[in-house]
């Protein structure tokens, strides 16, 4: 198995990991970043804050068109939502931002390794992906992000009971919805 040397290995390419990787590279370090998902950006960019805000903006614009344009003398009838178009715009926003992070990695010479990271001790990290590679570094940053909490006795099926990830990809607006949690995504 091949071993690669770096000054710092960052595990996770979400907002904490990718910012740390880019800044360390800007400061002259030889930086590796291990990410198991195809797209960089973590929960925030892919299935959290950014897609939530894209959907929120669509709903705010719909309400403004329906309820407030008349205040400006603009009459609008039959305002409706095209969920497929809303979802497409959300995906475009997410795609542009995650490609932006990938561009910054390339520009700043951050070496990206695709796969799961396992700490081996002594400054060593095993990356298991398409290939297995061992990384060695003076410093390791663990920035593995967030995951939806489970509720004992309640199974996520993605249809009736799901996480914010499924909720952000609904093909239609649910008639009723219960949200457990009042964090940024829940709100």
Foldseek 3Di string as FASTA:
>chain_A
DAEAEWAEEEEAQAPVRLVVLLVCLVVPTAAEYEDADPFGHPCCLPQFVQLLVLLVVVVVVLCCLVPPVVVVVDDDPDRDDQLVVSLVVSVVSSVVVRVVSVVSCVVSVHHYDHAHWDDPDPQWIWGDDPDIYIYGHPYYHYDHDDDDDDDPPDDAPLPPHHDSRSVSVDNDDDPDDDFDDDDSRSD
